[in-house]
PDB file of N, CA and C in Angstrom:
ATOM      1  N   MET A   1      -6.121   3.863 -18.889  1.00  0.00           N
ATOM      2  CA  MET A   1      -5.793   4.019 -17.496  1.00  0.00           C
ATOM      3  C   MET A   1      -6.461   2.891 -16.705  1.00  0.00           C
ATOM      4  N   GLU A   2      -5.716   2.328 -15.786  1.00  0.00           N
ATOM      5  CA  GLU A   2      -6.262   1.260 -14.937  1.00  0.00           C
ATOM      6  C   GLU A   2      -7.149   1.855 -13.852  1.00  0.00           C
ATOM      7  N   PRO A   3      -8.286   1.227 -13.572  1.00  0.00           N
ATOM      8  CA  PRO A   3      -9.140   1.738 -12.499  1.00  0.00           C
ATOM      9  C   PRO A   3      -8.504   1.497 -11.134  1.00  0.00           C
ATOM     10  N   ARG A   4      -8.704   2.444 -10.224  1.00  0.00           N
ATOM     11  CA  ARG A   4      -8.176   2.290  -8.872  1.00  0.00           C
ATOM     12  C   ARG A   4      -9.121   1.462  -7.999  1.00  0.00           C
ATOM     13  N   LEU A   5     -10.418   1.588  -8.238  1.00  0.00           N
ATOM     14  CA  LEU A   5     -11.396   0.828  -7.462  1.00  0.00           C
ATOM     15  C   LEU A   5     -11.758  -0.443  -8.209  1.00  0.00           C
ATOM     16  N   LEU A   6     -11.766  -1.549  -7.481  1.00  0.00           N
ATOM     17  CA  LEU A   6     -12.015  -2.856  -8.080  1.00  0.00           C
ATOM     18  C   LEU A   6     -13.252  -3.504  -7.480  1.00  0.00           C
ATOM     19  N   SER A   7     -13.975  -4.240  -8.303  1.00  0.00           N
ATOM     20  CA  SER A   7     -15.077  -5.062  -7.798  1.00  0.00           C
ATOM     21  C   SER A   7     -14.467  -6.226  -7.022  1.00  0.00           C
ATOM     22  N   GLY A   8     -15.293  -6.945  -6.296  1.00  0.00           N
ATOM     23  CA  GLY A   8     -14.797  -8.117  -5.574  1.00  0.00           C
ATOM     24  C   GLY A   8     -14.171  -9.130  -6.516  1.00  0.00           C
ATOM     25  N   LYS A   9     -14.814  -9.346  -7.645  1.00  0.00           N
ATOM     26  CA  LYS A   9     -14.302 -10.298  -8.635  1.00  0.00           C
ATOM     27  C   LYS A   9     -12.953  -9.833  -9.186  1.00  0.00           C
ATOM     28  N   ALA A  10     -12.845  -8.539  -9.494  1.00  0.00           N
ATOM     29  CA  ALA A  10     -11.585  -7.997 -10.013  1.00  0.00           C
ATOM     30  C   ALA A  10     -10.496  -8.010  -8.944  1.00  0.00           C
ATOM     31  N   ALA A  11     -10.862  -7.717  -7.691  1.00  0.00           N
ATOM     32  CA  ALA A  11      -9.888  -7.744  -6.596  1.00  0.00           C
ATOM     33  C   ALA A  11      -9.369  -9.164  -6.381  1.00  0.00           C
ATOM     34  N   ALA A  12     -10.268 -10.135  -6.455  1.00  0.00           N
ATOM     35  CA  ALA A  12      -9.860 -11.540  -6.324  1.00  0.00           C
ATOM     36  C   ALA A  12      -8.907 -11.915  -7.450  1.00  0.00           C
ATOM     37  N   ALA A  13      -9.246 -11.528  -8.671  1.00  0.00           N
ATOM     38  CA  ALA A  13      -8.381 -11.820  -9.816  1.00  0.00           C
ATOM     39  C   ALA A  13      -7.033 -11.126  -9.658  1.00  0.00           C
ATOM     40  N   TYR A  14      -7.033  -9.888  -9.164  1.00  0.00           N
ATOM     41  CA  TYR A  14      -5.803  -9.128  -8.936  1.00  0.00           C
ATOM     42  C   TYR A  14      -4.877  -9.870  -7.973  1.00  0.00           C
ATOM     43  N   CYS A  15      -5.475 -10.550  -6.984  1.00  0.00           N
ATOM     44  CA  CYS A  15      -4.695 -11.309  -5.995  1.00  0.00           C
ATOM     45  C   CYS A  15      -4.524 -12.774  -6.388  1.00  0.00           C
ATOM     46  N   SER A  16      -5.014 -13.135  -7.558  1.00  0.00           N
ATOM     47  CA  SER A  16      -4.909 -14.511  -8.077  1.00  0.00           C
ATOM     48  C   SER A  16      -5.563 -15.539  -7.168  1.00  0.00           C
ATOM     49  N   VAL A  17      -6.736 -15.192  -6.637  1.00  0.00           N
ATOM     50  CA  VAL A  17      -7.502 -16.125  -5.808  1.00  0.00           C
ATOM     51  C   VAL A  17      -8.946 -16.147  -6.310  1.00  0.00           C
ATOM     52  N   THR A  18      -9.703 -17.113  -5.831  1.00  0.00           N
ATOM     53  CA  THR A  18     -11.116 -17.187  -6.194  1.00  0.00           C
ATOM     54  C   THR A  18     -11.896 -16.117  -5.430  1.00  0.00           C
ATOM     55  N   LEU A  19     -13.089 -15.818  -5.908  1.00  0.00           N
ATOM     56  CA  LEU A  19     -13.939 -14.849  -5.223  1.00  0.00           C
ATOM     57  C   LEU A  19     -14.280 -15.334  -3.816  1.00  0.00           C
ATOM     58  N   ASN A  20     -14.467 -16.641  -3.656  1.00  0.00           N
ATOM     59  CA  ASN A  20     -14.751 -17.214  -2.344  1.00  0.00           C
ATOM     60  C   ASN A  20     -13.578 -16.975  -1.388  1.00  0.00           C
ATOM     61  N   THR A  21     -12.363 -17.216  -1.854  1.00  0.00           N
ATOM     62  CA  THR A  21     -11.178 -16.989  -1.020  1.00  0.00           C
ATOM     63  C   THR A  21     -11.045 -15.506  -0.694  1.00  0.00           C
ATOM     64  N   TRP A  22     -11.275 -14.643  -1.690  1.00  0.00           N
ATOM     65  CA  TRP A  22     -11.213 -13.197  -1.455  1.00  0.00           C
ATOM     66  C   TRP A  22     -12.181 -12.799  -0.344  1.00  0.00           C
ATOM     67  N   SER A  23     -13.408 -13.300  -0.409  1.00  0.00           N
ATOM     68  CA  SER A  23     -14.417 -12.981   0.610  1.00  0.00           C
ATOM     69  C   SER A  23     -13.969 -13.437   1.989  1.00  0.00           C
ATOM     70  N   LYS A  24     -13.361 -14.612   2.063  1.00  0.00           N
ATOM     71  CA  LYS A  24     -12.848 -15.117   3.347  1.00  0.00           C
ATOM     72  C   LYS A  24     -11.731 -14.218   3.870  1.00  0.00           C
ATOM     73  N   TRP A  25     -10.841 -13.778   2.989  1.00  0.00           N
ATOM     74  CA  TRP A  25      -9.747 -12.891   3.394  1.00  0.00           C
ATOM     75  C   TRP A  25     -10.285 -11.574   3.947  1.00  0.00           C
ATOM     76  N   VAL A  26     -11.301 -11.016   3.286  1.00  0.00           N
ATOM     77  CA  VAL A  26     -11.889  -9.750   3.739  1.00  0.00           C
ATOM     78  C   VAL A  26     -12.555  -9.953   5.098  1.00  0.00           C
ATOM     79  N   THR A  27     -13.315 -11.030   5.246  1.00  0.00           N
ATOM     80  CA  THR A  27     -13.991 -11.331   6.512  1.00  0.00           C
ATOM     81  C   THR A  27     -12.988 -11.525   7.641  1.00  0.00           C
ATOM     82  N   ALA A  28     -11.850 -12.161   7.335  1.00  0.00           N
ATOM     83  CA  ALA A  28     -10.817 -12.422   8.343  1.00  0.00           C
ATOM     84  C   ALA A  28      -9.959 -11.189   8.631  1.00  0.00           C
ATOM     85  N   GLY A  29     -10.148 -10.116   7.873  1.00  0.00           N
ATOM     86  CA  GLY A  29      -9.353  -8.911   8.085  1.00  0.00           C
ATOM     87  C   GLY A  29      -7.996  -8.939   7.404  1.00  0.00           C
ATOM     88  N   LEU A  30      -7.766  -9.949   6.564  1.00  0.00           N
ATOM     89  CA  LEU A  30      -6.496 -10.026   5.842  1.00  0.00           C
ATOM     90  C   LEU A  30      -6.446  -9.030   4.691  1.00  0.00           C
ATOM     91  N   MET A  31      -7.602  -8.639   4.207  1.00  0.00           N
ATOM     92  CA  MET A  31      -7.717  -7.650   3.140  1.00  0.00           C
ATOM     93  C   MET A  31      -8.654  -6.550   3.620  1.00  0.00           C
ATOM     94  N   PRO A  32      -8.527  -5.349   3.048  1.00  0.00           N
ATOM     95  CA  PRO A  32      -9.356  -4.226   3.509  1.00  0.00           C
ATOM     96  C   PRO A  32     -10.831  -4.413   3.167  1.00  0.00           C
ATOM     97  N   LYS A  33     -11.651  -3.684   3.893  1.00  0.00           N
ATOM     98  CA  LYS A  33     -13.084  -3.663   3.591  1.00  0.00           C
ATOM     99  C   LYS A  33     -13.303  -2.787   2.360  1.00  0.00           C
ATOM    100  N   PRO A  34     -14.425  -2.966   1.680  1.00  0.00           N
ATOM    101  CA  PRO A  34     -14.700  -2.098   0.526  1.00  0.00           C
ATOM    102  C   PRO A  34     -14.842  -0.645   0.978  1.00  0.00           C
ATOM    103  N   VAL A  35     -14.446   0.263   0.101  1.00  0.00           N
ATOM    104  CA  VAL A  35     -14.510   1.680   0.460  1.00  0.00           C
ATOM    105  C   VAL A  35     -15.768   2.363  -0.053  1.00  0.00           C
ATOM    106  N   ILE A  36     -16.223   2.000  -1.208  1.00  0.00           N
ATOM    107  CA  ILE A  36     -17.420   2.609  -1.788  1.00  0.00           C
ATOM    108  C   ILE A  36     -18.329   1.480  -2.250  1.00  0.00           C
ATOM    109  N   GLY A  37     -19.423   1.297  -1.539  1.00  0.00           N
ATOM    110  CA  GLY A  37     -20.331   0.207  -1.912  1.00  0.00           C
ATOM    111  C   GLY A  37     -19.624  -1.128  -1.846  1.00  0.00           C
ATOM    112  N   ARG A  38     -19.428  -1.725  -2.997  1.00  0.00           N
ATOM    113  CA  ARG A  38     -18.755  -3.012  -3.067  1.00  0.00           C
ATOM    114  C   ARG A  38     -17.498  -2.902  -3.929  1.00  0.00           C
ATOM    115  N   ARG A  39     -16.752  -1.812  -3.734  1.00  0.00           N
ATOM    116  CA  ARG A  39     -15.510  -1.568  -4.473  1.00  0.00           C
ATOM    117  C   ARG A  39     -14.339  -1.487  -3.498  1.00  0.00           C
ATOM    118  N   TRP A  40     -13.226  -2.065  -3.920  1.00  0.00           N
ATOM    119  CA  TRP A  40     -12.018  -2.071  -3.101  1.00  0.00           C
ATOM    120  C   TRP A  40     -10.963  -1.170  -3.718  1.00  0.00           C
ATOM    121  N   ASP A  41     -10.250  -0.457  -2.860  1.00  0.00           N
ATOM    122  CA  ASP A  41      -9.171   0.424  -3.287  1.00  0.00           C
ATOM    123  C   ASP A  41      -7.928  -0.423  -3.566  1.00  0.00           C
ATOM    124  N   LYS A  42      -7.437  -0.352  -4.788  1.00  0.00           N
ATOM    125  CA  LYS A  42      -6.283  -1.148  -5.205  1.00  0.00           C
ATOM    126  C   LYS A  42      -5.049  -0.839  -4.343  1.00  0.00           C
ATOM    127  N   ARG A  43      -4.868   0.425  -3.979  1.00  0.00           N
ATOM    128  CA  ARG A  43      -3.715   0.799  -3.143  1.00  0.00           C
ATOM    129  C   ARG A  43      -3.823   0.190  -1.750  1.00  0.00           C
ATOM    130  N   ALA A  44      -5.042   0.150  -1.206  1.00  0.00           N
ATOM    131  CA  ALA A  44      -5.238  -0.461   0.114  1.00  0.00           C
ATOM    132  C   ALA A  44      -4.945  -1.957   0.050  1.00  0.00           C
ATOM    133  N   ILE A  45      -5.323  -2.585  -1.053  1.00  0.00           N
ATOM    134  CA  ILE A  45      -5.014  -4.008  -1.243  1.00  0.00           C
ATOM    135  C   ILE A  45      -3.503  -4.195  -1.286  1.00  0.00           C
ATOM    136  N   ASP A  46      -2.815  -3.349  -2.059  1.00  0.00           N
ATOM    137  CA  ASP A  46      -1.355  -3.438  -2.149  1.00  0.00           C
ATOM    138  C   ASP A  46      -0.701  -3.254  -0.784  1.00  0.00           C
ATOM    139  N   GLN A  47      -1.199  -2.307   0.014  1.00  0.00           N
ATOM    140  CA  GLN A  47      -0.645  -2.083   1.350  1.00  0.00           C
ATOM    141  C   GLN A  47      -0.833  -3.303   2.240  1.00  0.00           C
ATOM    142  N   MET A  48      -2.002  -3.925   2.168  1.00  0.00           N
ATOM    143  CA  MET A  48      -2.244  -5.124   2.974  1.00  0.00           C
ATOM    144  C   MET A  48      -1.348  -6.268   2.520  1.00  0.00           C
ATOM    145  N   LEU A  49      -1.170  -6.413   1.210  1.00  0.00           N
ATOM    146  CA  LEU A  49      -0.278  -7.456   0.697  1.00  0.00           C
ATOM    147  C   LEU A  49       1.156  -7.193   1.135  1.00  0.00           C
ATOM    148  N   ASP A  50       1.590  -5.927   1.093  1.00  0.00           N
ATOM    149  CA  ASP A  50       2.934  -5.576   1.559  1.00  0.00           C
ATOM    150  C   ASP A  50       3.099  -5.934   3.030  1.00  0.00           C
ATOM    151  N   LYS A  51       2.102  -5.608   3.833  1.00  0.00           N
ATOM    152  CA  LYS A  51       2.151  -5.903   5.269  1.00  0.00           C
ATOM    153  C   LYS A  51       2.226  -7.413   5.508  1.00  0.00           C
ATOM    154  N   LEU A  52       1.405  -8.172   4.790  1.00  0.00           N
ATOM    155  CA  LEU A  52       1.413  -9.628   4.938  1.00  0.00           C
ATOM    156  C   LEU A  52       2.736 -10.235   4.481  1.00  0.00           C
ATOM    157  N   SER A  53       3.387  -9.571   3.515  1.00  0.00           N
ATOM    158  CA  SER A  53       4.659 -10.073   2.984  1.00  0.00           C
ATOM    159  C   SER A  53       5.855  -9.613   3.809  1.00  0.00           C
ATOM    160  N   GLY A  54       5.603  -8.765   4.809  1.00  0.00           N
ATOM    161  CA  GLY A  54       6.695  -8.254   5.624  1.00  0.00           C
ATOM    162  C   GLY A  54       7.336  -7.004   5.055  1.00  0.00           C
ATOM    163  N   ILE A  55       6.735  -6.439   4.020  1.00  0.00           N
ATOM    164  CA  ILE A  55       7.248  -5.205   3.424  1.00  0.00           C
ATOM    165  C   ILE A  55       6.522  -4.050   4.096  1.00  0.00           C
ATOM    166  N   GLU A  56       7.250  -3.207   4.765  1.00  0.00           N
ATOM    167  CA  GLU A  56       6.631  -2.068   5.435  1.00  0.00           C
ATOM    168  C   GLU A  56       6.906  -0.801   4.645  1.00  0.00           C
ATOM    169  N   ALA A  57       5.918   0.032   4.533  1.00  0.00           N
ATOM    170  CA  ALA A  57       6.080   1.319   3.862  1.00  0.00           C
ATOM    171  C   ALA A  57       6.901   2.240   4.752  1.00  0.00           C
ATOM    172  N   PRO A  58       7.734   3.086   4.167  1.00  0.00           N
ATOM    173  CA  PRO A  58       8.500   4.021   4.986  1.00  0.00           C
ATOM    174  C   PRO A  58       7.565   4.957   5.732  1.00  0.00           C
ATOM    175  N   SER A  59       7.972   5.345   6.923  1.00  0.00           N
ATOM    176  CA  SER A  59       7.148   6.261   7.703  1.00  0.00           C
ATOM    177  C   SER A  59       8.035   7.327   8.312  1.00  0.00           C
ATOM    178  N   GLY A  60       7.424   8.353   8.805  1.00  0.00           N
ATOM    179  CA  GLY A  60       8.173   9.407   9.453  1.00  0.00           C
ATOM    180  C   GLY A  60       8.513  10.549   8.519  1.00  0.00           C
ATOM    181  N   PRO A  61       9.376  11.444   8.985  1.00  0.00           N
ATOM    182  CA  PRO A  61       9.687  12.656   8.243  1.00  0.00           C
ATOM    183  C   PRO A  61      10.308  12.417   6.870  1.00  0.00           C
ATOM    184  N   ALA A  62      11.094  11.360   6.701  1.00  0.00           N
ATOM    185  CA  ALA A  62      11.743  11.101   5.417  1.00  0.00           C
ATOM    186  C   ALA A  62      10.713  10.955   4.306  1.00  0.00           C
ATOM    187  N   GLU A  63       9.523  10.533   4.666  1.00  0.00           N
ATOM    188  CA  GLU A  63       8.459  10.343   3.699  1.00  0.00           C
ATOM    189  C   GLU A  63       8.026  11.671   3.069  1.00  0.00           C
ATOM    190  N   GLU A  64       8.084  12.751   3.846  1.00  0.00           N
ATOM    191  CA  GLU A  64       7.638  14.055   3.388  1.00  0.00           C
ATOM    192  C   GLU A  64       8.799  14.930   2.927  1.00  0.00           C
ATOM    193  N   GLU A  65       9.990  14.411   2.956  1.00  0.00           N
ATOM    194  CA  GLU A  65      11.177  15.185   2.634  1.00  0.00           C
ATOM    195  C   GLU A  65      11.205  15.551   1.151  1.00  0.00           C
ATOM    196  N   ASN A  66      11.348  16.836   0.870  1.00  0.00           N
ATOM    197  CA  ASN A  66      11.432  17.243  -0.530  1.00  0.00           C
ATOM    198  C   ASN A  66      12.874  17.089  -1.019  1.00  0.00           C
ATOM    199  N   PRO A  67      13.107  17.141  -2.315  1.00  0.00           N
ATOM    200  CA  PRO A  67      14.458  16.918  -2.848  1.00  0.00           C
ATOM    201  C   PRO A  67      15.515  17.851  -2.267  1.00  0.00           C
ATOM    202  N   PHE A  68      15.161  19.121  -2.020  1.00  0.00           N
ATOM    203  CA  PHE A  68      16.137  20.051  -1.451  1.00  0.00           C
ATOM    204  C   PHE A  68      16.506  19.652  -0.029  1.00  0.00           C
ATOM    205  N   GLU A  69      15.505  19.311   0.787  1.00  0.00           N
ATOM    206  CA  GLU A  69      15.779  18.878   2.159  1.00  0.00           C
ATOM    207  C   GLU A  69      16.639  17.627   2.167  1.00  0.00           C
ATOM    208  N   LYS A  70      16.374  16.717   1.255  1.00  0.00           N
ATOM    209  CA  LYS A  70      17.171  15.497   1.158  1.00  0.00           C
ATOM    210  C   LYS A  70      18.615  15.846   0.822  1.00  0.00           C
ATOM    211  N   TRP A  71      18.800  16.743  -0.140  1.00  0.00           N
ATOM    212  CA  TRP A  71      20.148  17.144  -0.517  1.00  0.00           C
ATOM    213  C   TRP A  71      20.862  17.796   0.664  1.00  0.00           C
ATOM    214  N   MET A  72      20.169  18.678   1.391  1.00  0.00           N
ATOM    215  CA  MET A  72      20.760  19.348   2.558  1.00  0.00           C
ATOM    216  C   MET A  72      21.173  18.331   3.616  1.00  0.00           C
ATOM    217  N   ARG A  73      20.309  17.369   3.897  1.00  0.00           N
ATOM    218  CA  ARG A  73      20.622  16.349   4.903  1.00  0.00           C
ATOM    219  C   ARG A  73      21.825  15.529   4.467  1.00  0.00           C
ATOM    220  N   GLU A  74      21.834  15.085   3.209  1.00  0.00           N
ATOM    221  CA  GLU A  74      22.946  14.277   2.712  1.00  0.00           C
ATOM    222  C   GLU A  74      24.236  15.079   2.656  1.00  0.00           C
ATOM    223  N   ASP A  75      24.152  16.360   2.293  1.00  0.00           N
ATOM    224  CA  ASP A  75      25.336  17.217   2.255  1.00  0.00           C
ATOM    225  C   ASP A  75      25.911  17.387   3.659  1.00  0.00           C
ATOM    226  N   ALA A  76      25.042  17.583   4.647  1.00  0.00           N
ATOM    227  CA  ALA A  76      25.504  17.722   6.029  1.00  0.00           C
ATOM    228  C   ALA A  76      26.193  16.445   6.501  1.00  0.00           C
ATOM    229  N   MET A  77      25.659  15.297   6.098  1.00  0.00           N
ATOM    230  CA  MET A  77      26.279  14.026   6.490  1.00  0.00           C
ATOM    231  C   MET A  77      27.646  13.871   5.827  1.00  0.00           C
ATOM    232  N   ARG A  78      27.754  14.281   4.565  1.00  0.00           N
ATOM    233  CA  ARG A  78      29.040  14.201   3.864  1.00  0.00           C
ATOM    234  C   ARG A  78      30.081  15.085   4.536  1.00  0.00           C
ATOM    235  N   ARG A  79      29.656  16.198   5.074  1.00  0.00           N
ATOM    236  CA  ARG A  79      30.568  17.147   5.714  1.00  0.00           C
ATOM    237  C   ARG A  79      30.832  16.785   7.179  1.00  0.00           C
ATOM    238  N   GLY A  80      30.240  15.695   7.628  1.00  0.00           N
ATOM    239  CA  GLY A  80      30.474  15.246   8.998  1.00  0.00           C
ATOM    240  C   GLY A  80      29.509  15.821  10.006  1.00  0.00           C
ATOM    241  N   GLY A  81      28.470  16.453   9.540  1.00  0.00           N
ATOM    242  CA  GLY A  81      27.472  17.020  10.441  1.00  0.00           C
ATOM    243  C   GLY A  81      26.391  16.009  10.752  1.00  0.00           C
ATOM    244  N   THR A  82      25.349  16.474  11.416  1.00  0.00           N
ATOM    245  CA  THR A  82      24.221  15.599  11.738  1.00  0.00           C
ATOM    246  C   THR A  82      22.966  16.057  11.072  1.00  0.00           C
TER     247      THR A  82
END
């Protein structure tokens, strides 16, 4: 299993940059601050990279929609409802 928390060195390697560049990115706010001591959350890094790349995570009610609710919504749309 891959670890979710990364050291600064591992986070830099994950982003294919030097540790010095990683530190500059964190200081500039381009990457998240460490969450536990000197460990970075891999998911937070991915979210920041997505944001920098223009990829936005879905938000709103659709995010919490369960499969049945999705089916009901799509069925209503197929039938001409809202």
